[in-house]
Each structure stands twice: as structure tokens, then as C-alpha cells.
Amino acid sequence: MELIKNTGFSSFTSKKENFCPKCTNRGRIKVVDEGDREGFEREFDRLADPGTLEMYICYDRAIDKFNHHYCYCPDCENGQLYKGEYPKYEGI
């Protein structure tokens, strides 16, 4: 699979070929620690239930309240910048 060419683009780019949905063009992904997953899911659901916030905002707000770590995004060029610093993201 070819990497998404998103170097130099922010998360607000209008070109879908330059947008990585996995990391929202950040290059790294916040992953909640296993012991905090249940609390994170409750907080995420609480924020998402009214339907007034976009999902990435709910995710960012919820994960900041719990222990988390970073992984680099394997799908885009921005992620390759963090390849030496963080482990590879193995999620969906």
C-alpha cells in the first residue's frame, strides 16, 4: 500500500488524497492504556451521545483524561517522521 502524501498538510486539508483518517494528519496516534480502556470508553460515550461534537474531538477530550501512549501512523508520510520515536500502531 502506498503512503498517504500528507507532509505539509494540516488536518483541515480539503483534498481527501492528502488526508489520513487514522491519525488526522498528525503522524502519531494517541492510544489509551489497557487498564484505562473502560473508563475512556465511558467518557467517550458521554461526550459523543449528545451528537454535538465531531468524533475526533470526543476522542481527544476523552483520552486526555486517561493514561495513554503514542504510536506512529503506518499509513502516511507524516507518520514516518515518528517511526524512530514510537512503536507502530497495530489497531484498526
Foldseek 3Di string as FASTA:
>chain_A
DDAQEQVPHALPDPDPSNADPVPSSQQKDKDADPVCVVVLVVQLCVVPVVVPDDSVVSNVVSRVVGDIDMAGEPRHPSNVVCPVPHHHDPDD
